[in-house]
Amino acid sequence: MKKIVKILPILMTVMMVFTMVSPVLAKTVGNVTVEPMKQSEIAGNVGNMGRTILGVIQVVGTLAAVGILMVVGIKYMMGSAEQKAEYKKVMIPYIIGAILLFAASSIANIVYNLALKF
């Protein structure tokens, strides 16, 4: 069982790489002629997809962070002294996670914008 757990991710990664890099060599399909895309069109499509994915990650992360903050804040206000001490312990990893989430999405956005310039 342990071998399968180790081999399966490697096998899935190899399969993913092979499916992503397989070139399309067909130029005509029946009566339809397929023109190859220009490099700038491919970059534009990838850029739009990256922008969309980054936006979704930012929105979902922000909603999750705000939702969790609301729940923990309400529990903190309603809790006893012992529970408040416990919630303070919970808040430290939450704050670190929220900072990492916002920092990671901001850094990804900066890298994306820099990549567009080059």
PDB file of N, CA and C in Angstrom:
ATOM      1  N   MET A   1       0.821  -1.201   0.000  1.00  0.00           N
ATOM      2  CA  MET A   1       0.000   0.000   0.000  1.00  0.00           C
ATOM      3  C   MET A   1       0.861   1.258   0.000  1.00  0.00           C
ATOM      4  N   LYS A   2       1.969   1.220   0.762  1.00  0.00           N
ATOM      5  CA  LYS A   2       2.828   2.394   0.826  1.00  0.00           C
ATOM      6  C   LYS A   2       3.499   2.673  -0.512  1.00  0.00           C
ATOM      7  N   LYS A   3       3.806   1.603  -1.266  1.00  0.00           N
ATOM      8  CA  LYS A   3       4.417   1.802  -2.575  1.00  0.00           C
ATOM      9  C   LYS A   3       3.447   2.485  -3.529  1.00  0.00           C
ATOM     10  N   ILE A   4       2.186   2.090  -3.459  1.00  0.00           N
ATOM     11  CA  ILE A   4       1.183   2.701  -4.330  1.00  0.00           C
ATOM     12  C   ILE A   4       1.030   4.177  -4.014  1.00  0.00           C
ATOM     13  N   VAL A   5       1.048   4.511  -2.727  1.00  0.00           N
ATOM     14  CA  VAL A   5       0.909   5.913  -2.314  1.00  0.00           C
ATOM     15  C   VAL A   5       2.093   6.730  -2.813  1.00  0.00           C
ATOM     16  N   LYS A   6       3.264   6.123  -2.903  1.00  0.00           N
ATOM     17  CA  LYS A   6       4.438   6.843  -3.398  1.00  0.00           C
ATOM     18  C   LYS A   6       4.474   6.905  -4.924  1.00  0.00           C
ATOM     19  N   ILE A   7       4.042   5.851  -5.584  1.00  0.00           N
ATOM     20  CA  ILE A   7       4.129   5.782  -7.038  1.00  0.00           C
ATOM     21  C   ILE A   7       3.007   6.567  -7.716  1.00  0.00           C
ATOM     22  N   LEU A   8       1.807   6.565  -7.141  1.00  0.00           N
ATOM     23  CA  LEU A   8       0.647   7.188  -7.766  1.00  0.00           C
ATOM     24  C   LEU A   8       0.841   8.675  -8.068  1.00  0.00           C
ATOM     25  N   PRO A   9       1.342   9.504  -7.140  1.00  0.00           N
ATOM     26  CA  PRO A   9       1.541  10.925  -7.499  1.00  0.00           C
ATOM     27  C   PRO A   9       2.560  11.122  -8.619  1.00  0.00           C
ATOM     28  N   ILE A  10       3.605  10.304  -8.627  1.00  0.00           N
ATOM     29  CA  ILE A  10       4.614  10.421  -9.676  1.00  0.00           C
ATOM     30  C   ILE A  10       4.006  10.038 -11.022  1.00  0.00           C
ATOM     31  N   LEU A  11       3.242   8.955 -11.044  1.00  0.00           N
ATOM     32  CA  LEU A  11       2.601   8.513 -12.273  1.00  0.00           C
ATOM     33  C   LEU A  11       1.602   9.551 -12.772  1.00  0.00           C
ATOM     34  N   MET A  12       0.835  10.135 -11.877  1.00  0.00           N
ATOM     35  CA  MET A  12      -0.133  11.157 -12.281  1.00  0.00           C
ATOM     36  C   MET A  12       0.573  12.394 -12.823  1.00  0.00           C
ATOM     37  N   THR A  13       1.689  12.784 -12.225  1.00  0.00           N
ATOM     38  CA  THR A  13       2.444  13.930 -12.708  1.00  0.00           C
ATOM     39  C   THR A  13       2.992  13.671 -14.103  1.00  0.00           C
ATOM     40  N   VAL A  14       3.531  12.491 -14.330  1.00  0.00           N
ATOM     41  CA  VAL A  14       4.071  12.139 -15.648  1.00  0.00           C
ATOM     42  C   VAL A  14       2.953  12.143 -16.687  1.00  0.00           C
ATOM     43  N   MET A  15       1.801  11.577 -16.341  1.00  0.00           N
ATOM     44  CA  MET A  15       0.676  11.567 -17.284  1.00  0.00           C
ATOM     45  C   MET A  15       0.210  12.985 -17.584  1.00  0.00           C
ATOM     46  N   MET A  16       0.191  13.838 -16.577  1.00  0.00           N
ATOM     47  CA  MET A  16      -0.241  15.218 -16.786  1.00  0.00           C
ATOM     48  C   MET A  16       0.733  15.946 -17.719  1.00  0.00           C
ATOM     49  N   VAL A  17       2.021  15.732 -17.522  1.00  0.00           N
ATOM     50  CA  VAL A  17       3.016  16.384 -18.373  1.00  0.00           C
ATOM     51  C   VAL A  17       2.858  15.916 -19.816  1.00  0.00           C
ATOM     52  N   PHE A  18       2.677  14.624 -20.025  1.00  0.00           N
ATOM     53  CA  PHE A  18       2.516  14.118 -21.386  1.00  0.00           C
ATOM     54  C   PHE A  18       1.261  14.648 -22.054  1.00  0.00           C
ATOM     55  N   THR A  19       0.185  14.792 -21.318  1.00  0.00           N
ATOM     56  CA  THR A  19      -1.036  15.293 -21.934  1.00  0.00           C
ATOM     57  C   THR A  19      -0.962  16.787 -22.208  1.00  0.00           C
ATOM     58  N   MET A  20      -0.184  17.510 -21.442  1.00  0.00           N
ATOM     59  CA  MET A  20      -0.095  18.957 -21.637  1.00  0.00           C
ATOM     60  C   MET A  20       0.824  19.332 -22.792  1.00  0.00           C
ATOM     61  N   VAL A  21       1.824  18.524 -23.071  1.00  0.00           N
ATOM     62  CA  VAL A  21       2.801  18.901 -24.087  1.00  0.00           C
ATOM     63  C   VAL A  21       2.584  18.196 -25.416  1.00  0.00           C
ATOM     64  N   SER A  22       1.506  17.448 -25.552  1.00  0.00           N
ATOM     65  CA  SER A  22       1.280  16.760 -26.827  1.00  0.00           C
ATOM     66  C   SER A  22       0.886  17.785 -27.889  1.00  0.00           C
ATOM     67  N   PRO A  23       1.631  17.869 -28.972  1.00  0.00           N
ATOM     68  CA  PRO A  23       1.320  18.861 -30.006  1.00  0.00           C
ATOM     69  C   PRO A  23       0.152  18.411 -30.883  1.00  0.00           C
ATOM     70  N   VAL A  24      -0.538  19.372 -31.434  1.00  0.00           N
ATOM     71  CA  VAL A  24      -1.610  19.097 -32.385  1.00  0.00           C
ATOM     72  C   VAL A  24      -1.028  19.309 -33.777  1.00  0.00           C
ATOM     73  N   LEU A  25      -1.030  18.262 -34.582  1.00  0.00           N
ATOM     74  CA  LEU A  25      -0.392  18.325 -35.892  1.00  0.00           C
ATOM     75  C   LEU A  25      -1.403  18.426 -37.030  1.00  0.00           C
ATOM     76  N   ALA A  26      -2.682  18.368 -36.736  1.00  0.00           N
ATOM     77  CA  ALA A  26      -3.692  18.410 -37.786  1.00  0.00           C
ATOM     78  C   ALA A  26      -3.855  19.828 -38.302  1.00  0.00           C
ATOM     79  N   LYS A  27      -3.880  19.972 -39.628  1.00  0.00           N
ATOM     80  CA  LYS A  27      -4.117  21.275 -40.227  1.00  0.00           C
ATOM     81  C   LYS A  27      -5.500  21.339 -40.838  1.00  0.00           C
ATOM     82  N   THR A  28      -5.979  20.240 -41.371  1.00  0.00           N
ATOM     83  CA  THR A  28      -7.328  20.226 -41.931  1.00  0.00           C
ATOM     84  C   THR A  28      -8.110  19.065 -41.329  1.00  0.00           C
ATOM     85  N   VAL A  29      -9.356  19.354 -41.029  1.00  0.00           N
ATOM     86  CA  VAL A  29     -10.261  18.331 -40.514  1.00  0.00           C
ATOM     87  C   VAL A  29     -11.502  18.392 -41.384  1.00  0.00           C
ATOM     88  N   GLY A  30     -11.661  17.436 -42.263  1.00  0.00           N
ATOM     89  CA  GLY A  30     -12.796  17.465 -43.188  1.00  0.00           C
ATOM     90  C   GLY A  30     -12.688  18.675 -44.088  1.00  0.00           C
ATOM     91  N   ASN A  31     -13.718  19.512 -44.100  1.00  0.00           N
ATOM     92  CA  ASN A  31     -13.726  20.731 -44.901  1.00  0.00           C
ATOM     93  C   ASN A  31     -13.250  21.942 -44.116  1.00  0.00           C
ATOM     94  N   VAL A  32     -12.939  21.756 -42.859  1.00  0.00           N
ATOM     95  CA  VAL A  32     -12.539  22.872 -42.003  1.00  0.00           C
ATOM     96  C   VAL A  32     -11.019  22.950 -41.960  1.00  0.00           C
ATOM     97  N   THR A  33     -10.478  24.119 -42.233  1.00  0.00           N
ATOM     98  CA  THR A  33      -9.037  24.330 -42.151  1.00  0.00           C
ATOM     99  C   THR A  33      -8.719  25.001 -40.822  1.00  0.00           C
ATOM    100  N   VAL A  34      -7.795  24.405 -40.085  1.00  0.00           N
ATOM    101  CA  VAL A  34      -7.413  24.931 -38.781  1.00  0.00           C
ATOM    102  C   VAL A  34      -6.085  25.652 -38.940  1.00  0.00           C
ATOM    103  N   GLU A  35      -6.075  26.928 -38.667  1.00  0.00           N
ATOM    104  CA  GLU A  35      -4.851  27.704 -38.752  1.00  0.00           C
ATOM    105  C   GLU A  35      -4.151  27.668 -37.395  1.00  0.00           C
ATOM    106  N   PRO A  36      -2.838  27.493 -37.392  1.00  0.00           N
ATOM    107  CA  PRO A  36      -2.132  27.498 -36.111  1.00  0.00           C
ATOM    108  C   PRO A  36      -2.200  28.878 -35.458  1.00  0.00           C
ATOM    109  N   MET A  37      -2.269  28.876 -34.149  1.00  0.00           N
ATOM    110  CA  MET A  37      -2.351  30.145 -33.415  1.00  0.00           C
ATOM    111  C   MET A  37      -0.974  30.791 -33.357  1.00  0.00           C
ATOM    112  N   LYS A  38      -0.968  32.084 -33.362  1.00  0.00           N
ATOM    113  CA  LYS A  38       0.279  32.817 -33.229  1.00  0.00           C
ATOM    114  C   LYS A  38       0.703  32.811 -31.772  1.00  0.00           C
ATOM    115  N   GLN A  39       1.983  33.029 -31.551  1.00  0.00           N
ATOM    116  CA  GLN A  39       2.527  33.008 -30.193  1.00  0.00           C
ATOM    117  C   GLN A  39       1.864  34.054 -29.307  1.00  0.00           C
ATOM    118  N   SER A  40       1.559  35.218 -29.853  1.00  0.00           N
ATOM    119  CA  SER A  40       0.943  36.274 -29.059  1.00  0.00           C
ATOM    120  C   SER A  40      -0.484  35.899 -28.656  1.00  0.00           C
ATOM    121  N   GLU A  41      -1.204  35.183 -29.536  1.00  0.00           N
ATOM    122  CA  GLU A  41      -2.558  34.744 -29.199  1.00  0.00           C
ATOM    123  C   GLU A  41      -2.527  33.706 -28.086  1.00  0.00           C
ATOM    124  N   ILE A  42      -1.563  32.805 -28.157  1.00  0.00           N
ATOM    125  CA  ILE A  42      -1.426  31.788 -27.105  1.00  0.00           C
ATOM    126  C   ILE A  42      -1.102  32.461 -25.779  1.00  0.00           C
ATOM    127  N   ALA A  43      -0.184  33.411 -25.797  1.00  0.00           N
ATOM    128  CA  ALA A  43       0.176  34.121 -24.569  1.00  0.00           C
ATOM    129  C   ALA A  43      -1.017  34.891 -24.017  1.00  0.00           C
ATOM    130  N   GLY A  44      -1.814  35.477 -24.904  1.00  0.00           N
ATOM    131  CA  GLY A  44      -3.001  36.199 -24.448  1.00  0.00           C
ATOM    132  C   GLY A  44      -4.018  35.277 -23.800  1.00  0.00           C
ATOM    133  N   ASN A  45      -4.217  34.095 -24.397  1.00  0.00           N
ATOM    134  CA  ASN A  45      -5.151  33.129 -23.823  1.00  0.00           C
ATOM    135  C   ASN A  45      -4.676  32.627 -22.470  1.00  0.00           C
ATOM    136  N   VAL A  46      -3.389  32.326 -22.370  1.00  0.00           N
ATOM    137  CA  VAL A  46      -2.826  31.870 -21.095  1.00  0.00           C
ATOM    138  C   VAL A  46      -2.904  32.991 -20.070  1.00  0.00           C
ATOM    139  N   GLY A  47      -2.655  34.211 -20.501  1.00  0.00           N
ATOM    140  CA  GLY A  47      -2.731  35.353 -19.589  1.00  0.00           C
ATOM    141  C   GLY A  47      -4.131  35.565 -19.057  1.00  0.00           C
ATOM    142  N   ASN A  48      -5.125  35.446 -19.926  1.00  0.00           N
ATOM    143  CA  ASN A  48      -6.508  35.592 -19.476  1.00  0.00           C
ATOM    144  C   ASN A  48      -6.897  34.486 -18.511  1.00  0.00           C
ATOM    145  N   MET A  49      -6.461  33.259 -18.792  1.00  0.00           N
ATOM    146  CA  MET A  49      -6.767  32.157 -17.907  1.00  0.00           C
ATOM    147  C   MET A  49      -6.084  32.346 -16.553  1.00  0.00           C
ATOM    148  N   GLY A  50      -4.831  32.790 -16.563  1.00  0.00           N
ATOM    149  CA  GLY A  50      -4.121  33.052 -15.311  1.00  0.00           C
ATOM    150  C   GLY A  50      -4.780  34.146 -14.503  1.00  0.00           C
ATOM    151  N   ARG A  51      -5.220  35.198 -15.179  1.00  0.00           N
ATOM    152  CA  ARG A  51      -5.900  36.299 -14.492  1.00  0.00           C
ATOM    153  C   ARG A  51      -7.209  35.812 -13.856  1.00  0.00           C
ATOM    154  N   THR A  52      -7.932  34.964 -14.572  1.00  0.00           N
ATOM    155  CA  THR A  52      -9.188  34.430 -14.052  1.00  0.00           C
ATOM    156  C   THR A  52      -8.955  33.540 -12.833  1.00  0.00           C
ATOM    157  N   ILE A  53      -7.979  32.653 -12.929  1.00  0.00           N
ATOM    158  CA  ILE A  53      -7.672  31.759 -11.810  1.00  0.00           C
ATOM    159  C   ILE A  53      -7.222  32.557 -10.599  1.00  0.00           C
ATOM    160  N   LEU A  54      -6.366  33.535 -10.800  1.00  0.00           N
ATOM    161  CA  LEU A  54      -5.892  34.369  -9.695  1.00  0.00           C
ATOM    162  C   LEU A  54      -7.047  35.124  -9.048  1.00  0.00           C
ATOM    163  N   GLY A  55      -7.963  35.639  -9.848  1.00  0.00           N
ATOM    164  CA  GLY A  55      -9.121  36.338  -9.303  1.00  0.00           C
ATOM    165  C   GLY A  55     -10.008  35.430  -8.475  1.00  0.00           C
ATOM    166  N   VAL A  56     -10.224  34.204  -8.954  1.00  0.00           N
ATOM    167  CA  VAL A  56     -11.050  33.249  -8.205  1.00  0.00           C
ATOM    168  C   VAL A  56     -10.389  32.900  -6.878  1.00  0.00           C
ATOM    169  N   ILE A  57      -9.085  32.668  -6.897  1.00  0.00           N
ATOM    170  CA  ILE A  57      -8.368  32.344  -5.664  1.00  0.00           C
ATOM    171  C   ILE A  57      -8.458  33.494  -4.674  1.00  0.00           C
ATOM    172  N   GLN A  58      -8.306  34.715  -5.141  1.00  0.00           N
ATOM    173  CA  GLN A  58      -8.389  35.865  -4.247  1.00  0.00           C
ATOM    174  C   GLN A  58      -9.781  36.005  -3.647  1.00  0.00           C
ATOM    175  N   VAL A  59     -10.823  35.842  -4.454  1.00  0.00           N
ATOM    176  CA  VAL A  59     -12.193  36.003  -3.953  1.00  0.00           C
ATOM    177  C   VAL A  59     -12.540  34.900  -2.951  1.00  0.00           C
ATOM    178  N   VAL A  60     -12.243  33.650  -3.309  1.00  0.00           N
ATOM    179  CA  VAL A  60     -12.566  32.537  -2.416  1.00  0.00           C
ATOM    180  C   VAL A  60     -11.766  32.646  -1.118  1.00  0.00           C
ATOM    181  N   GLY A  61     -10.498  32.990  -1.226  1.00  0.00           N
ATOM    182  CA  GLY A  61      -9.669  33.140  -0.027  1.00  0.00           C
ATOM    183  C   GLY A  61     -10.157  34.265   0.871  1.00  0.00           C
ATOM    184  N   THR A  62     -10.536  35.377   0.274  1.00  0.00           N
ATOM    185  CA  THR A  62     -11.037  36.505   1.060  1.00  0.00           C
ATOM    186  C   THR A  62     -12.348  36.149   1.747  1.00  0.00           C
ATOM    187  N   LEU A  63     -13.254  35.501   1.019  1.00  0.00           N
ATOM    188  CA  LEU A  63     -14.522  35.095   1.629  1.00  0.00           C
ATOM    189  C   LEU A  63     -14.307  34.103   2.770  1.00  0.00           C
ATOM    190  N   ALA A  64     -13.413  33.152   2.576  1.00  0.00           N
ATOM    191  CA  ALA A  64     -13.133  32.179   3.633  1.00  0.00           C
ATOM    192  C   ALA A  64     -12.509  32.856   4.845  1.00  0.00           C
ATOM    193  N   ALA A  65     -11.554  33.766   4.611  1.00  0.00           N
ATOM    194  CA  ALA A  65     -10.893  34.446   5.724  1.00  0.00           C
ATOM    195  C   ALA A  65     -11.877  35.298   6.519  1.00  0.00           C
ATOM    196  N   VAL A  66     -12.728  36.026   5.832  1.00  0.00           N
ATOM    197  CA  VAL A  66     -13.711  36.877   6.518  1.00  0.00           C
ATOM    198  C   VAL A  66     -14.731  36.016   7.253  1.00  0.00           C
ATOM    199  N   GLY A  67     -15.186  34.934   6.633  1.00  0.00           N
ATOM    200  CA  GLY A  67     -16.151  34.047   7.280  1.00  0.00           C
ATOM    201  C   GLY A  67     -15.600  33.427   8.549  1.00  0.00           C
ATOM    202  N   ILE A  68     -14.380  32.924   8.488  1.00  0.00           N
ATOM    203  CA  ILE A  68     -13.763  32.323   9.666  1.00  0.00           C
ATOM    204  C   ILE A  68     -13.544  33.370  10.742  1.00  0.00           C
ATOM    205  N   LEU A  69     -13.128  34.563  10.352  1.00  0.00           N
ATOM    206  CA  LEU A  69     -12.932  35.634  11.328  1.00  0.00           C
ATOM    207  C   LEU A  69     -14.242  35.973  12.026  1.00  0.00           C
ATOM    208  N   MET A  70     -15.335  36.007  11.290  1.00  0.00           N
ATOM    209  CA  MET A  70     -16.633  36.297  11.891  1.00  0.00           C
ATOM    210  C   MET A  70     -17.033  35.217  12.893  1.00  0.00           C
ATOM    211  N   VAL A  71     -16.849  33.959  12.522  1.00  0.00           N
ATOM    212  CA  VAL A  71     -17.228  32.859  13.412  1.00  0.00           C
ATOM    213  C   VAL A  71     -16.385  32.883  14.688  1.00  0.00           C
ATOM    214  N   VAL A  72     -15.088  33.023  14.546  1.00  0.00           N
ATOM    215  CA  VAL A  72     -14.216  33.039  15.722  1.00  0.00           C
ATOM    216  C   VAL A  72     -14.485  34.284  16.569  1.00  0.00           C
ATOM    217  N   GLY A  73     -14.758  35.409  15.919  1.00  0.00           N
ATOM    218  CA  GLY A  73     -15.058  36.632  16.669  1.00  0.00           C
ATOM    219  C   GLY A  73     -16.340  36.516  17.476  1.00  0.00           C
ATOM    220  N   ILE A  74     -17.373  35.925  16.893  1.00  0.00           N
ATOM    221  CA  ILE A  74     -18.630  35.741  17.626  1.00  0.00           C
ATOM    222  C   ILE A  74     -18.434  34.766  18.776  1.00  0.00           C
ATOM    223  N   LYS A  75     -17.702  33.682  18.541  1.00  0.00           N
ATOM    224  CA  LYS A  75     -17.431  32.727  19.618  1.00  0.00           C
ATOM    225  C   LYS A  75     -16.624  33.391  20.732  1.00  0.00           C
ATOM    226  N   TYR A  76     -15.690  34.274  20.343  1.00  0.00           N
ATOM    227  CA  TYR A  76     -14.875  34.977  21.336  1.00  0.00           C
ATOM    228  C   TYR A  76     -15.747  35.895  22.191  1.00  0.00           C
ATOM    229  N   MET A  77     -16.674  36.604  21.568  1.00  0.00           N
ATOM    230  CA  MET A  77     -17.538  37.519  22.323  1.00  0.00           C
ATOM    231  C   MET A  77     -18.486  36.765  23.252  1.00  0.00           C
ATOM    232  N   MET A  78     -18.939  35.593  22.839  1.00  0.00           N
ATOM    233  CA  MET A  78     -19.915  34.846  23.629  1.00  0.00           C
ATOM    234  C   MET A  78     -19.265  33.895  24.627  1.00  0.00           C
ATOM    235  N   GLY A  79     -17.984  33.670  24.534  1.00  0.00           N
ATOM    236  CA  GLY A  79     -17.327  32.662  25.353  1.00  0.00           C
ATOM    237  C   GLY A  79     -16.980  33.129  26.754  1.00  0.00           C
ATOM    238  N   SER A  80     -16.693  32.147  27.602  1.00  0.00           N
ATOM    239  CA  SER A  80     -16.252  32.439  28.967  1.00  0.00           C
ATOM    240  C   SER A  80     -14.766  32.791  28.940  1.00  0.00           C
ATOM    241  N   ALA A  81     -14.214  33.041  30.117  1.00  0.00           N
ATOM    242  CA  ALA A  81     -12.806  33.440  30.200  1.00  0.00           C
ATOM    243  C   ALA A  81     -11.884  32.330  29.697  1.00  0.00           C
ATOM    244  N   GLU A  82     -12.209  31.089  30.018  1.00  0.00           N
ATOM    245  CA  GLU A  82     -11.387  29.967  29.559  1.00  0.00           C
ATOM    246  C   GLU A  82     -11.498  29.800  28.046  1.00  0.00           C
ATOM    247  N   GLN A  83     -12.702  29.972  27.529  1.00  0.00           N
ATOM    248  CA  GLN A  83     -12.891  29.848  26.089  1.00  0.00           C
ATOM    249  C   GLN A  83     -12.210  30.984  25.334  1.00  0.00           C
ATOM    250  N   LYS A  84     -12.196  32.176  25.931  1.00  0.00           N
ATOM    251  CA  LYS A  84     -11.521  33.305  25.286  1.00  0.00           C
ATOM    252  C   LYS A  84     -10.027  33.045  25.170  1.00  0.00           C
ATOM    253  N   ALA A  85      -9.449  32.433  26.197  1.00  0.00           N
ATOM    254  CA  ALA A  85      -8.024  32.089  26.132  1.00  0.00           C
ATOM    255  C   ALA A  85      -7.771  31.072  25.026  1.00  0.00           C
ATOM    256  N   GLU A  86      -8.699  30.125  24.870  1.00  0.00           N
ATOM    257  CA  GLU A  86      -8.566  29.119  23.810  1.00  0.00           C
ATOM    258  C   GLU A  86      -8.695  29.765  22.430  1.00  0.00           C
ATOM    259  N   TYR A  87      -9.616  30.709  22.283  1.00  0.00           N
ATOM    260  CA  TYR A  87      -9.797  31.376  20.993  1.00  0.00           C
ATOM    261  C   TYR A  87      -8.608  32.253  20.638  1.00  0.00           C
ATOM    262  N   LYS A  88      -7.955  32.808  21.654  1.00  0.00           N
ATOM    263  CA  LYS A  88      -6.737  33.580  21.374  1.00  0.00           C
ATOM    264  C   LYS A  88      -5.657  32.676  20.781  1.00  0.00           C
ATOM    265  N   LYS A  89      -5.580  31.427  21.270  1.00  0.00           N
ATOM    266  CA  LYS A  89      -4.617  30.474  20.715  1.00  0.00           C
ATOM    267  C   LYS A  89      -4.976  30.125  19.270  1.00  0.00           C
ATOM    268  N   VAL A  90      -6.273  30.068  18.976  1.00  0.00           N
ATOM    269  CA  VAL A  90      -6.724  29.742  17.623  1.00  0.00           C
ATOM    270  C   VAL A  90      -6.466  30.912  16.677  1.00  0.00           C
ATOM    271  N   MET A  91      -6.537  32.118  17.182  1.00  0.00           N
ATOM    272  CA  MET A  91      -6.411  33.306  16.328  1.00  0.00           C
ATOM    273  C   MET A  91      -5.011  33.481  15.753  1.00  0.00           C
ATOM    274  N   ILE A  92      -3.980  33.073  16.461  1.00  0.00           N
ATOM    275  CA  ILE A  92      -2.607  33.278  15.973  1.00  0.00           C
ATOM    276  C   ILE A  92      -2.367  32.511  14.669  1.00  0.00           C
ATOM    277  N   PRO A  93      -2.655  31.202  14.593  1.00  0.00           N
ATOM    278  CA  PRO A  93      -2.481  30.532  13.288  1.00  0.00           C
ATOM    279  C   PRO A  93      -3.414  31.081  12.207  1.00  0.00           C
ATOM    280  N   TYR A  94      -4.617  31.498  12.621  1.00  0.00           N
ATOM    281  CA  TYR A  94      -5.546  32.068  11.644  1.00  0.00           C
ATOM    282  C   TYR A  94      -4.966  33.345  11.042  1.00  0.00           C
ATOM    283  N   ILE A  95      -4.455  34.222  11.877  1.00  0.00           N
ATOM    284  CA  ILE A  95      -3.898  35.492  11.389  1.00  0.00           C
ATOM    285  C   ILE A  95      -2.701  35.225  10.477  1.00  0.00           C
ATOM    286  N   ILE A  96      -1.849  34.289  10.864  1.00  0.00           N
ATOM    287  CA  ILE A  96      -0.696  33.948  10.027  1.00  0.00           C
ATOM    288  C   ILE A  96      -1.165  33.386   8.683  1.00  0.00           C
ATOM    289  N   GLY A  97      -2.170  32.520   8.714  1.00  0.00           N
ATOM    290  CA  GLY A  97      -2.711  31.956   7.465  1.00  0.00           C
ATOM    291  C   GLY A  97      -3.334  33.017   6.576  1.00  0.00           C
ATOM    292  N   ALA A  98      -4.080  33.954   7.188  1.00  0.00           N
ATOM    293  CA  ALA A  98      -4.706  35.019   6.400  1.00  0.00           C
ATOM    294  C   ALA A  98      -3.645  35.911   5.765  1.00  0.00           C
ATOM    295  N   ILE A  99      -2.602  36.231   6.512  1.00  0.00           N
ATOM    296  CA  ILE A  99      -1.513  37.052   5.968  1.00  0.00           C
ATOM    297  C   ILE A  99      -0.831  36.320   4.811  1.00  0.00           C
ATOM    298  N   LEU A 100      -0.580  35.023   4.990  1.00  0.00           N
ATOM    299  CA  LEU A 100       0.033  34.247   3.905  1.00  0.00           C
ATOM    300  C   LEU A 100      -0.866  34.185   2.673  1.00  0.00           C
ATOM    301  N   LEU A 101      -2.161  34.042   2.899  1.00  0.00           N
ATOM    302  CA  LEU A 101      -3.100  34.002   1.776  1.00  0.00           C
ATOM    303  C   LEU A 101      -3.075  35.299   0.986  1.00  0.00           C
ATOM    304  N   PHE A 102      -3.196  36.422   1.674  1.00  0.00           N
ATOM    305  CA  PHE A 102      -3.207  37.705   0.984  1.00  0.00           C
ATOM    306  C   PHE A 102      -1.844  38.026   0.372  1.00  0.00           C
ATOM    307  N   ALA A 103      -0.774  37.663   1.076  1.00  0.00           N
ATOM    308  CA  ALA A 103       0.567  37.921   0.541  1.00  0.00           C
ATOM    309  C   ALA A 103       0.828  37.059  -0.692  1.00  0.00           C
ATOM    310  N   ALA A 104       0.421  35.793  -0.642  1.00  0.00           N
ATOM    311  CA  ALA A 104       0.665  34.895  -1.778  1.00  0.00           C
ATOM    312  C   ALA A 104      -0.101  35.363  -3.009  1.00  0.00           C
ATOM    313  N   SER A 105      -1.352  35.776  -2.820  1.00  0.00           N
ATOM    314  CA  SER A 105      -2.110  36.228  -3.985  1.00  0.00           C
ATOM    315  C   SER A 105      -1.555  37.550  -4.519  1.00  0.00           C
ATOM    316  N   SER A 106      -1.078  38.405  -3.629  1.00  0.00           N
ATOM    317  CA  SER A 106      -0.475  39.668  -4.085  1.00  0.00           C
ATOM    318  C   SER A 106       0.837  39.419  -4.814  1.00  0.00           C
ATOM    319  N   ILE A 107       1.645  38.516  -4.287  1.00  0.00           N
ATOM    320  CA  ILE A 107       2.923  38.194  -4.931  1.00  0.00           C
ATOM    321  C   ILE A 107       2.669  37.556  -6.297  1.00  0.00           C
ATOM    322  N   ALA A 108       1.672  36.664  -6.372  1.00  0.00           N
ATOM    323  CA  ALA A 108       1.340  36.046  -7.660  1.00  0.00           C
ATOM    324  C   ALA A 108       0.870  37.103  -8.655  1.00  0.00           C
ATOM    325  N   ASN A 109       0.120  38.081  -8.179  1.00  0.00           N
ATOM    326  CA  ASN A 109      -0.344  39.156  -9.052  1.00  0.00           C
ATOM    327  C   ASN A 109       0.832  40.002  -9.538  1.00  0.00           C
ATOM    328  N   ILE A 110       1.776  40.295  -8.668  1.00  0.00           N
ATOM    329  CA  ILE A 110       2.967  41.065  -9.056  1.00  0.00           C
ATOM    330  C   ILE A 110       3.786  40.304 -10.085  1.00  0.00           C
ATOM    331  N   VAL A 111       4.000  39.001  -9.849  1.00  0.00           N
ATOM    332  CA  VAL A 111       4.772  38.184 -10.794  1.00  0.00           C
ATOM    333  C   VAL A 111       4.053  38.122 -12.140  1.00  0.00           C
ATOM    334  N   TYR A 112       2.738  37.991 -12.106  1.00  0.00           N
ATOM    335  CA  TYR A 112       1.949  37.942 -13.343  1.00  0.00           C
ATOM    336  C   TYR A 112       2.112  39.241 -14.129  1.00  0.00           C
ATOM    337  N   ASN A 113       2.007  40.377 -13.444  1.00  0.00           N
ATOM    338  CA  ASN A 113       2.145  41.669 -14.109  1.00  0.00           C
ATOM    339  C   ASN A 113       3.557  41.872 -14.662  1.00  0.00           C
ATOM    340  N   LEU A 114       4.565  41.407 -13.924  1.00  0.00           N
ATOM    341  CA  LEU A 114       5.953  41.508 -14.420  1.00  0.00           C
ATOM    342  C   LEU A 114       6.156  40.615 -15.639  1.00  0.00           C
ATOM    343  N   ALA A 115       5.526  39.449 -15.639  1.00  0.00           N
ATOM    344  CA  ALA A 115       5.665  38.529 -16.773  1.00  0.00           C
ATOM    345  C   ALA A 115       5.032  39.108 -18.027  1.00  0.00           C
ATOM    346  N   LEU A 116       3.972  39.886 -17.857  1.00  0.00           N
ATOM    347  CA  LEU A 116       3.328  40.499 -19.019  1.00  0.00           C
ATOM    348  C   LEU A 116       4.223  41.551 -19.666  1.00  0.00           C
ATOM    349  N   LYS A 117       5.060  42.207 -18.870  1.00  0.00           N
ATOM    350  CA  LYS A 117       5.936  43.243 -19.417  1.00  0.00           C
ATOM    351  C   LYS A 117       7.043  42.659 -20.274  1.00  0.00           C
ATOM    352  N   PHE A 118       7.449  41.423 -19.977  1.00  0.00           N
ATOM    353  CA  PHE A 118       8.547  40.816 -20.738  1.00  0.00           C
ATOM    354  C   PHE A 118       7.984  39.951 -21.763  1.00  0.00           C
TER     355      PHE A 118
END
